[in-house]
């Protein structure tokens, strides 16, 4: 998931956030609701935003779903540009582009 850091706000690109699908995969829909529940802002068709206060929960959530093996890493890891200084609490759930 493409991620951008600005001050103490992390944004996940709108095209990379999970989608809820009625009758869809239980794991994928659970992932959607779990992420949405800790997002400070999760509007439809816009980037989702996460304040620094929830980054530890975000990292743990992403690692947990990643380790489950049901979703690909591209959907459960934060992708940052090379020049971004990734915060320690997000490092284990992040990769560089």
PDB file of N, CA and C in Angstrom:
ATOM      1  N   UNK A   1       0.847  -1.169   0.000  1.00  0.00           N
ATOM      2  CA  UNK A   1       0.000   0.000   0.000  1.00  0.00           C
ATOM      3  C   UNK A   1       0.897   1.237   0.000  1.00  0.00           C
ATOM      4  N   UNK A   2       0.726   2.065  -0.991  1.00  0.00           N
ATOM      5  CA  UNK A   2       1.532   3.283  -1.071  1.00  0.00           C
ATOM      6  C   UNK A   2       1.172   4.222   0.076  1.00  0.00           C
ATOM      7  N   UNK A   3       2.201   4.634   0.806  1.00  0.00           N
ATOM      8  CA  UNK A   3       2.002   5.471   1.985  1.00  0.00           C
ATOM      9  C   UNK A   3       2.806   6.760   1.871  1.00  0.00           C
ATOM     10  N   UNK A   4       2.231   7.820   2.435  1.00  0.00           N
ATOM     11  CA  UNK A   4       2.880   9.133   2.456  1.00  0.00           C
ATOM     12  C   UNK A   4       2.864   9.638   3.887  1.00  0.00           C
ATOM     13  N   UNK A   5       4.000  10.155   4.332  1.00  0.00           N
ATOM     14  CA  UNK A   5       4.093  10.763   5.665  1.00  0.00           C
ATOM     15  C   UNK A   5       4.175  12.272   5.525  1.00  0.00           C
ATOM     16  N   UNK A   6       3.347  12.949   6.280  1.00  0.00           N
ATOM     17  CA  UNK A   6       3.368  14.401   6.321  1.00  0.00           C
ATOM     18  C   UNK A   6       3.191  14.815   7.773  1.00  0.00           C
ATOM     19  N   UNK A   7       4.246  15.387   8.348  1.00  0.00           N
ATOM     20  CA  UNK A   7       4.259  15.695   9.778  1.00  0.00           C
ATOM     21  C   UNK A   7       3.970  14.426  10.558  1.00  0.00           C
ATOM     22  N   UNK A   8       2.875  14.404  11.295  1.00  0.00           N
ATOM     23  CA  UNK A   8       2.522  13.222  12.095  1.00  0.00           C
ATOM     24  C   UNK A   8       1.240  12.578  11.559  1.00  0.00           C
ATOM     25  N   UNK A   9       1.099  12.604  10.241  1.00  0.00           N
ATOM     26  CA  UNK A   9      -0.067  12.030   9.584  1.00  0.00           C
ATOM     27  C   UNK A   9       0.399  11.092   8.481  1.00  0.00           C
ATOM     28  N   UNK A  10      -0.101   9.875   8.505  1.00  0.00           N
ATOM     29  CA  UNK A  10       0.214   8.894   7.474  1.00  0.00           C
ATOM     30  C   UNK A  10      -1.009   8.737   6.584  1.00  0.00           C
ATOM     31  N   UNK A  11      -0.813   8.812   5.292  1.00  0.00           N
ATOM     32  CA  UNK A  11      -1.900   8.632   4.334  1.00  0.00           C
ATOM     33  C   UNK A  11      -1.626   7.404   3.486  1.00  0.00           C
ATOM     34  N   UNK A  12      -2.664   6.612   3.264  1.00  0.00           N
ATOM     35  CA  UNK A  12      -2.575   5.461   2.374  1.00  0.00           C
ATOM     36  C   UNK A  12      -3.357   5.812   1.109  1.00  0.00           C
ATOM     37  N   UNK A  13      -2.713   5.612  -0.022  1.00  0.00           N
ATOM     38  CA  UNK A  13      -3.289   5.976  -1.319  1.00  0.00           C
ATOM     39  C   UNK A  13      -4.665   5.346  -1.504  1.00  0.00           C
ATOM     40  N   UNK A  14      -5.599   6.121  -2.002  1.00  0.00           N
ATOM     41  CA  UNK A  14      -6.987   5.675  -2.143  1.00  0.00           C
ATOM     42  C   UNK A  14      -7.135   4.405  -2.983  1.00  0.00           C
ATOM     43  N   UNK A  15      -6.260   4.200  -3.948  1.00  0.00           N
ATOM     44  CA  UNK A  15      -6.349   3.003  -4.794  1.00  0.00           C
ATOM     45  C   UNK A  15      -5.805   1.756  -4.098  1.00  0.00           C
ATOM     46  N   UNK A  16      -5.147   1.930  -2.960  1.00  0.00           N
ATOM     47  CA  UNK A  16      -4.519   0.806  -2.259  1.00  0.00           C
ATOM     48  C   UNK A  16      -5.249   0.386  -0.990  1.00  0.00           C
ATOM     49  N   UNK A  17      -6.215   1.158  -0.530  1.00  0.00           N
ATOM     50  CA  UNK A  17      -6.947   0.770   0.675  1.00  0.00           C
ATOM     51  C   UNK A  17      -7.857  -0.409   0.338  1.00  0.00           C
ATOM     52  N   UNK A  18      -8.127  -1.277   1.320  1.00  0.00           N
ATOM     53  CA  UNK A  18      -8.995  -2.425   1.030  1.00  0.00           C
ATOM     54  C   UNK A  18     -10.415  -1.967   0.715  1.00  0.00           C
ATOM     55  N   UNK A  19     -11.096  -2.780  -0.045  1.00  0.00           N
ATOM     56  CA  UNK A  19     -12.494  -2.503  -0.402  1.00  0.00           C
ATOM     57  C   UNK A  19     -13.398  -3.496   0.307  1.00  0.00           C
ATOM     58  N   UNK A  20     -14.538  -3.007   0.780  1.00  0.00           N
ATOM     59  CA  UNK A  20     -15.543  -3.893   1.344  1.00  0.00           C
ATOM     60  C   UNK A  20     -16.406  -4.411   0.211  1.00  0.00           C
ATOM     61  N   UNK A  21     -16.627  -5.718   0.213  1.00  0.00           N
ATOM     62  CA  UNK A  21     -17.489  -6.329  -0.804  1.00  0.00           C
ATOM     63  C   UNK A  21     -18.517  -7.202  -0.098  1.00  0.00           C
ATOM     64  N   UNK A  22     -19.780  -6.823  -0.241  1.00  0.00           N
ATOM     65  CA  UNK A  22     -20.844  -7.619   0.356  1.00  0.00           C
ATOM     66  C   UNK A  22     -20.767  -9.031  -0.211  1.00  0.00           C
ATOM     67  N   UNK A  23     -20.712 -10.005   0.667  1.00  0.00           N
ATOM     68  CA  UNK A  23     -20.578 -11.393   0.244  1.00  0.00           C
ATOM     69  C   UNK A  23     -19.165 -11.764  -0.168  1.00  0.00           C
ATOM     70  N   UNK A  24     -18.232 -10.858   0.047  1.00  0.00           N
ATOM     71  CA  UNK A  24     -16.835 -11.104  -0.322  1.00  0.00           C
ATOM     72  C   UNK A  24     -16.104 -11.900   0.743  1.00  0.00           C
ATOM     73  N   UNK A  25     -14.804 -11.985   0.577  1.00  0.00           N
ATOM     74  CA  UNK A  25     -13.942 -12.729   1.489  1.00  0.00           C
ATOM     75  C   UNK A  25     -14.063 -12.180   2.914  1.00  0.00           C
ATOM     76  N   UNK A  26     -14.247 -13.088   3.868  1.00  0.00           N
ATOM     77  CA  UNK A  26     -14.341 -12.691   5.278  1.00  0.00           C
ATOM     78  C   UNK A  26     -13.051 -12.018   5.729  1.00  0.00           C
ATOM     79  N   UNK A  27     -11.912 -12.569   5.347  1.00  0.00           N
ATOM     80  CA  UNK A  27     -10.625 -11.998   5.753  1.00  0.00           C
ATOM     81  C   UNK A  27     -10.466 -10.595   5.180  1.00  0.00           C
ATOM     82  N   UNK A  28     -10.733 -10.433   3.892  1.00  0.00           N
ATOM     83  CA  UNK A  28     -10.580  -9.132   3.249  1.00  0.00           C
ATOM     84  C   UNK A  28     -11.536  -8.097   3.848  1.00  0.00           C
ATOM     85  N   UNK A  29     -12.773  -8.497   4.111  1.00  0.00           N
ATOM     86  CA  UNK A  29     -13.732  -7.565   4.707  1.00  0.00           C
ATOM     87  C   UNK A  29     -13.367  -7.230   6.152  1.00  0.00           C
ATOM     88  N   UNK A  30     -12.847  -8.202   6.894  1.00  0.00           N
ATOM     89  CA  UNK A  30     -12.389  -7.937   8.259  1.00  0.00           C
ATOM     90  C   UNK A  30     -11.213  -6.966   8.242  1.00  0.00           C
ATOM     91  N   UNK A  31     -10.312  -7.156   7.287  1.00  0.00           N
ATOM     92  CA  UNK A  31      -9.171  -6.247   7.126  1.00  0.00           C
ATOM     93  C   UNK A  31      -9.668  -4.827   6.852  1.00  0.00           C
ATOM     94  N   UNK A  32     -10.652  -4.698   5.972  1.00  0.00           N
ATOM     95  CA  UNK A  32     -11.247  -3.389   5.669  1.00  0.00           C
ATOM     96  C   UNK A  32     -11.762  -2.730   6.950  1.00  0.00           C
ATOM     97  N   UNK A  33     -12.593  -3.441   7.718  1.00  0.00           N
ATOM     98  CA  UNK A  33     -13.193  -2.845   8.912  1.00  0.00           C
ATOM     99  C   UNK A  33     -12.167  -2.559  10.001  1.00  0.00           C
ATOM    100  N   UNK A  34     -11.168  -3.417  10.137  1.00  0.00           N
ATOM    101  CA  UNK A  34     -10.123  -3.187  11.141  1.00  0.00           C
ATOM    102  C   UNK A  34      -9.339  -1.919  10.818  1.00  0.00           C
ATOM    103  N   UNK A  35      -8.920  -1.767   9.558  1.00  0.00           N
ATOM    104  CA  UNK A  35      -8.194  -0.556   9.163  1.00  0.00           C
ATOM    105  C   UNK A  35      -9.073   0.686   9.288  1.00  0.00           C
ATOM    106  N   UNK A  36     -10.293   0.574   8.830  1.00  0.00           N
ATOM    107  CA  UNK A  36     -11.202   1.722   8.868  1.00  0.00           C
ATOM    108  C   UNK A  36     -11.480   2.171  10.305  1.00  0.00           C
ATOM    109  N   UNK A  37     -11.514   1.203  11.230  1.00  0.00           N
ATOM    110  CA  UNK A  37     -11.840   1.535  12.620  1.00  0.00           C
ATOM    111  C   UNK A  37     -10.760   2.371  13.304  1.00  0.00           C
ATOM    112  N   UNK A  38      -9.509   2.274  12.859  1.00  0.00           N
ATOM    113  CA  UNK A  38      -8.452   3.078  13.495  1.00  0.00           C
ATOM    114  C   UNK A  38      -8.052   4.285  12.651  1.00  0.00           C
ATOM    115  N   UNK A  39      -8.616   4.402  11.455  1.00  0.00           N
ATOM    116  CA  UNK A  39      -8.306   5.549  10.596  1.00  0.00           C
ATOM    117  C   UNK A  39      -8.953   6.810  11.159  1.00  0.00           C
ATOM    118  N   UNK A  40      -8.214   7.901  11.092  1.00  0.00           N
ATOM    119  CA  UNK A  40      -8.779   9.184  11.492  1.00  0.00           C
ATOM    120  C   UNK A  40      -9.753   9.693  10.446  1.00  0.00           C
ATOM    121  N   UNK A  41      -9.487   9.337   9.201  1.00  0.00           N
ATOM    122  CA  UNK A  41     -10.331   9.712   8.080  1.00  0.00           C
ATOM    123  C   UNK A  41     -10.259   8.596   7.040  1.00  0.00           C
ATOM    124  N   UNK A  42     -11.438   8.084   6.649  1.00  0.00           N
ATOM    125  CA  UNK A  42     -11.479   6.986   5.680  1.00  0.00           C
ATOM    126  C   UNK A  42     -12.626   7.199   4.690  1.00  0.00           C
ATOM    127  N   UNK A  43     -12.588   8.321   3.971  1.00  0.00           N
ATOM    128  CA  UNK A  43     -13.673   8.588   3.030  1.00  0.00           C
ATOM    129  C   UNK A  43     -13.580   7.709   1.784  1.00  0.00           C
ATOM    130  N   UNK A  44     -14.705   7.459   1.188  1.00  0.00           N
ATOM    131  CA  UNK A  44     -14.729   6.695  -0.052  1.00  0.00           C
ATOM    132  C   UNK A  44     -14.061   7.524  -1.157  1.00  0.00           C
ATOM    133  N   UNK A  45     -13.251   6.887  -1.947  1.00  0.00           N
ATOM    134  CA  UNK A  45     -12.576   7.517  -3.094  1.00  0.00           C
ATOM    135  C   UNK A  45     -11.581   8.611  -2.729  1.00  0.00           C
ATOM    136  N   UNK A  46     -11.045   8.558  -1.512  1.00  0.00           N
ATOM    137  CA  UNK A  46      -9.966   9.471  -1.115  1.00  0.00           C
ATOM    138  C   UNK A  46      -8.976   8.699  -0.255  1.00  0.00           C
ATOM    139  N   UNK A  47      -7.784   9.268  -0.073  1.00  0.00           N
ATOM    140  CA  UNK A  47      -6.773   8.634   0.764  1.00  0.00           C
ATOM    141  C   UNK A  47      -7.283   8.485   2.193  1.00  0.00           C
ATOM    142  N   UNK A  48      -6.867   7.392   2.851  1.00  0.00           N
ATOM    143  CA  UNK A  48      -7.188   7.189   4.257  1.00  0.00           C
ATOM    144  C   UNK A  48      -6.056   7.764   5.083  1.00  0.00           C
ATOM    145  N   UNK A  49      -6.386   8.394   6.203  1.00  0.00           N
ATOM    146  CA  UNK A  49      -5.390   9.053   7.048  1.00  0.00           C
ATOM    147  C   UNK A  49      -5.351   8.419   8.439  1.00  0.00           C
ATOM    148  N   UNK A  50      -4.124   8.290   8.943  1.00  0.00           N
ATOM    149  CA  UNK A  50      -3.891   7.707  10.261  1.00  0.00           C
ATOM    150  C   UNK A  50      -2.978   8.639  11.052  1.00  0.00           C
ATOM    151  N   UNK A  51      -3.452   9.096  12.223  1.00  0.00           N
ATOM    152  CA  UNK A  51      -2.655   9.961  13.072  1.00  0.00           C
ATOM    153  C   UNK A  51      -1.579   9.137  13.786  1.00  0.00           C
ATOM    154  N   UNK A  52      -0.535   9.802  14.228  1.00  0.00           N
ATOM    155  CA  UNK A  52       0.593   9.142  14.886  1.00  0.00           C
ATOM    156  C   UNK A  52       0.160   8.331  16.107  1.00  0.00           C
ATOM    157  N   UNK A  53      -0.903   8.736  16.763  1.00  0.00           N
ATOM    158  CA  UNK A  53      -1.367   8.044  17.965  1.00  0.00           C
ATOM    159  C   UNK A  53      -1.792   6.601  17.692  1.00  0.00           C
ATOM    160  N   UNK A  54      -2.143   6.260  16.454  1.00  0.00           N
ATOM    161  CA  UNK A  54      -2.596   4.900  16.145  1.00  0.00           C
ATOM    162  C   UNK A  54      -1.567   4.103  15.344  1.00  0.00           C
ATOM    163  N   UNK A  55      -0.388   4.664  15.114  1.00  0.00           N
ATOM    164  CA  UNK A  55       0.605   3.978  14.279  1.00  0.00           C
ATOM    165  C   UNK A  55       1.028   2.634  14.852  1.00  0.00           C
ATOM    166  N   UNK A  56       1.148   2.523  16.168  1.00  0.00           N
ATOM    167  CA  UNK A  56       1.547   1.231  16.741  1.00  0.00           C
ATOM    168  C   UNK A  56       0.462   0.186  16.476  1.00  0.00           C
ATOM    169  N   UNK A  57      -0.802   0.578  16.606  1.00  0.00           N
ATOM    170  CA  UNK A  57      -1.913  -0.330  16.304  1.00  0.00           C
ATOM    171  C   UNK A  57      -1.942  -0.660  14.813  1.00  0.00           C
ATOM    172  N   UNK A  58      -1.697   0.328  13.978  1.00  0.00           N
ATOM    173  CA  UNK A  58      -1.668   0.104  12.532  1.00  0.00           C
ATOM    174  C   UNK A  58      -0.583  -0.904  12.167  1.00  0.00           C
ATOM    175  N   UNK A  59       0.601  -0.721  12.707  1.00  0.00           N
ATOM    176  CA  UNK A  59       1.696  -1.640  12.429  1.00  0.00           C
ATOM    177  C   UNK A  59       1.374  -3.059  12.867  1.00  0.00           C
ATOM    178  N   UNK A  60       0.824  -3.196  14.052  1.00  0.00           N
ATOM    179  CA  UNK A  60       0.466  -4.525  14.560  1.00  0.00           C
ATOM    180  C   UNK A  60      -0.625  -5.173  13.719  1.00  0.00           C
ATOM    181  N   UNK A  61      -1.599  -4.385  13.324  1.00  0.00           N
ATOM    182  CA  UNK A  61      -2.690  -4.885  12.493  1.00  0.00           C
ATOM    183  C   UNK A  61      -2.153  -5.378  11.148  1.00  0.00           C
ATOM    184  N   UNK A  62      -1.298  -4.587  10.517  1.00  0.00           N
ATOM    185  CA  UNK A  62      -0.738  -4.965   9.220  1.00  0.00           C
ATOM    186  C   UNK A  62       0.110  -6.229   9.323  1.00  0.00           C
ATOM    187  N   UNK A  63       0.937  -6.321  10.351  1.00  0.00           N
ATOM    188  CA  UNK A  63       1.773  -7.511  10.543  1.00  0.00           C
ATOM    189  C   UNK A  63       0.894  -8.735  10.785  1.00  0.00           C
ATOM    190  N   UNK A  64      -0.133  -8.595  11.588  1.00  0.00           N
ATOM    191  CA  UNK A  64      -1.024  -9.706  11.892  1.00  0.00           C
ATOM    192  C   UNK A  64      -1.688 -10.249  10.626  1.00  0.00           C
ATOM    193  N   UNK A  65      -2.224  -9.364   9.798  1.00  0.00           N
ATOM    194  CA  UNK A  65      -2.862  -9.822   8.560  1.00  0.00           C
ATOM    195  C   UNK A  65      -1.827 -10.345   7.569  1.00  0.00           C
ATOM    196  N   UNK A  66      -0.651  -9.778   7.579  1.00  0.00           N
ATOM    197  CA  UNK A  66       0.417 -10.254   6.704  1.00  0.00           C
ATOM    198  C   UNK A  66       0.827 -11.678   7.077  1.00  0.00           C
ATOM    199  N   UNK A  67       0.976 -11.933   8.368  1.00  0.00           N
ATOM    200  CA  UNK A  67       1.398 -13.249   8.843  1.00  0.00           C
ATOM    201  C   UNK A  67       0.324 -14.313   8.668  1.00  0.00           C
ATOM    202  N   UNK A  68      -0.931 -13.888   8.526  1.00  0.00           N
ATOM    203  CA  UNK A  68      -2.010 -14.866   8.353  1.00  0.00           C
ATOM    204  C   UNK A  68      -1.863 -15.635   7.046  1.00  0.00           C
ATOM    205  N   UNK A  69      -1.249 -15.004   6.046  1.00  0.00           N
ATOM    206  CA  UNK A  69      -1.048 -15.656   4.759  1.00  0.00           C
ATOM    207  C   UNK A  69      -2.238 -15.590   3.820  1.00  0.00           C
ATOM    208  N   UNK A  70      -3.326 -14.969   4.235  1.00  0.00           N
ATOM    209  CA  UNK A  70      -4.511 -14.889   3.388  1.00  0.00           C
ATOM    210  C   UNK A  70      -4.471 -13.728   2.397  1.00  0.00           C
ATOM    211  N   UNK A  71      -3.690 -12.710   2.708  1.00  0.00           N
ATOM    212  CA  UNK A  71      -3.595 -11.536   1.840  1.00  0.00           C
ATOM    213  C   UNK A  71      -2.152 -11.369   1.378  1.00  0.00           C
ATOM    214  N   UNK A  72      -1.955 -10.909   0.154  1.00  0.00           N
ATOM    215  CA  UNK A  72      -0.584 -10.717  -0.328  1.00  0.00           C
ATOM    216  C   UNK A  72       0.107  -9.549   0.375  1.00  0.00           C
ATOM    217  N   UNK A  73       1.435  -9.576   0.400  1.00  0.00           N
ATOM    218  CA  UNK A  73       2.203  -8.504   1.045  1.00  0.00           C
ATOM    219  C   UNK A  73       1.883  -7.137   0.448  1.00  0.00           C
ATOM    220  N   UNK A  74       1.589  -7.085  -0.845  1.00  0.00           N
ATOM    221  CA  UNK A  74       1.277  -5.801  -1.474  1.00  0.00           C
ATOM    222  C   UNK A  74       0.051  -5.137  -0.855  1.00  0.00           C
ATOM    223  N   UNK A  75      -0.797  -5.924  -0.194  1.00  0.00           N
ATOM    224  CA  UNK A  75      -1.999  -5.388   0.436  1.00  0.00           C
ATOM    225  C   UNK A  75      -1.842  -5.152   1.934  1.00  0.00           C
ATOM    226  N   UNK A  76      -0.753  -5.656   2.511  1.00  0.00           N
ATOM    227  CA  UNK A  76      -0.606  -5.568   3.963  1.00  0.00           C
ATOM    228  C   UNK A  76       0.655  -4.842   4.414  1.00  0.00           C
ATOM    229  N   UNK A  77       1.461  -4.372   3.488  1.00  0.00           N
ATOM    230  CA  UNK A  77       2.684  -3.656   3.839  1.00  0.00           C
ATOM    231  C   UNK A  77       2.598  -2.220   3.327  1.00  0.00           C
ATOM    232  N   UNK A  78       3.129  -1.295   4.117  1.00  0.00           N
ATOM    233  CA  UNK A  78       3.191   0.104   3.711  1.00  0.00           C
ATOM    234  C   UNK A  78       4.407   0.295   2.810  1.00  0.00           C
ATOM    235  N   UNK A  79       4.220   0.937   1.681  1.00  0.00           N
ATOM    236  CA  UNK A  79       5.313   1.195   0.747  1.00  0.00           C
ATOM    237  C   UNK A  79       5.677   2.675   0.794  1.00  0.00           C
ATOM    238  N   UNK A  80       6.934   2.953   1.124  1.00  0.00           N
ATOM    239  CA  UNK A  80       7.419   4.325   1.214  1.00  0.00           C
ATOM    240  C   UNK A  80       8.488   4.583   0.166  1.00  0.00           C
ATOM    241  N   UNK A  81       8.588   5.831  -0.274  1.00  0.00           N
ATOM    242  CA  UNK A  81       9.680   6.234  -1.159  1.00  0.00           C
ATOM    243  C   UNK A  81      10.997   6.094  -0.410  1.00  0.00           C
ATOM    244  N   UNK A  82      12.072   5.928  -1.148  1.00  0.00           N
ATOM    245  CA  UNK A  82      13.398   5.717  -0.558  1.00  0.00           C
ATOM    246  C   UNK A  82      13.838   6.831   0.382  1.00  0.00           C
ATOM    247  N   UNK A  83      13.472   8.058   0.082  1.00  0.00           N
ATOM    248  CA  UNK A  83      13.960   9.184   0.881  1.00  0.00           C
ATOM    249  C   UNK A  83      13.179   9.433   2.169  1.00  0.00           C
ATOM    250  N   UNK A  84      12.093   8.687   2.395  1.00  0.00           N
ATOM    251  CA  UNK A  84      11.266   8.877   3.588  1.00  0.00           C
ATOM    252  C   UNK A  84      11.907   8.188   4.786  1.00  0.00           C
ATOM    253  N   UNK A  85      11.963   8.901   5.902  1.00  0.00           N
ATOM    254  CA  UNK A  85      12.450   8.339   7.160  1.00  0.00           C
ATOM    255  C   UNK A  85      11.268   7.638   7.830  1.00  0.00           C
ATOM    256  N   UNK A  86      11.252   6.319   7.758  1.00  0.00           N
ATOM    257  CA  UNK A  86      10.133   5.536   8.290  1.00  0.00           C
ATOM    258  C   UNK A  86      10.207   5.508   9.816  1.00  0.00           C
ATOM    259  N   UNK A  87       9.118   5.891  10.495  1.00  0.00           N
ATOM    260  CA  UNK A  87       9.108   5.844  11.965  1.00  0.00           C
ATOM    261  C   UNK A  87       9.324   4.419  12.471  1.00  0.00           C
ATOM    262  N   UNK A  88      10.003   4.298  13.596  1.00  0.00           N
ATOM    263  CA  UNK A  88      10.313   2.988  14.161  1.00  0.00           C
ATOM    264  C   UNK A  88       9.075   2.113  14.344  1.00  0.00           C
ATOM    265  N   UNK A  89       7.961   2.689  14.793  1.00  0.00           N
ATOM    266  CA  UNK A  89       6.758   1.894  15.063  1.00  0.00           C
ATOM    267  C   UNK A  89       6.139   1.308  13.797  1.00  0.00           C
ATOM    268  N   UNK A  90       6.502   1.830  12.630  1.00  0.00           N
ATOM    269  CA  UNK A  90       5.960   1.334  11.367  1.00  0.00           C
ATOM    270  C   UNK A  90       6.960   0.522  10.548  1.00  0.00           C
ATOM    271  N   UNK A  91       8.200   0.509  10.976  1.00  0.00           N
ATOM    272  CA  UNK A  91       9.261  -0.119  10.187  1.00  0.00           C
ATOM    273  C   UNK A  91       8.995  -1.590   9.882  1.00  0.00           C
ATOM    274  N   UNK A  92       8.497  -2.356  10.841  1.00  0.00           N
ATOM    275  CA  UNK A  92       8.297  -3.789  10.618  1.00  0.00           C
ATOM    276  C   UNK A  92       7.142  -4.077   9.641  1.00  0.00           C
ATOM    277  N   UNK A  93       6.285  -3.105   9.398  1.00  0.00           N
ATOM    278  CA  UNK A  93       5.162  -3.267   8.475  1.00  0.00           C
ATOM    279  C   UNK A  93       5.384  -2.458   7.193  1.00  0.00           C
ATOM    280  N   UNK A  94       6.647  -2.127   6.898  1.00  0.00           N
ATOM    281  CA  UNK A  94       6.935  -1.244   5.768  1.00  0.00           C
ATOM    282  C   UNK A  94       7.999  -1.812   4.845  1.00  0.00           C
ATOM    283  N   UNK A  95       7.934  -1.368   3.598  1.00  0.00           N
ATOM    284  CA  UNK A  95       8.948  -1.670   2.605  1.00  0.00           C
ATOM    285  C   UNK A  95       9.235  -0.400   1.811  1.00  0.00           C
ATOM    286  N   UNK A  96      10.333  -0.390   1.112  1.00  0.00           N
ATOM    287  CA  UNK A  96      10.691   0.745   0.252  1.00  0.00           C
ATOM    288  C   UNK A  96      10.292   0.429  -1.180  1.00  0.00           C
ATOM    289  N   UNK A  97       9.894   1.470  -1.912  1.00  0.00           N
ATOM    290  CA  UNK A  97       9.544   1.289  -3.331  1.00  0.00           C
ATOM    291  C   UNK A  97      10.771   1.191  -4.154  1.00  0.00           C
TER     292      UNK A  97
END
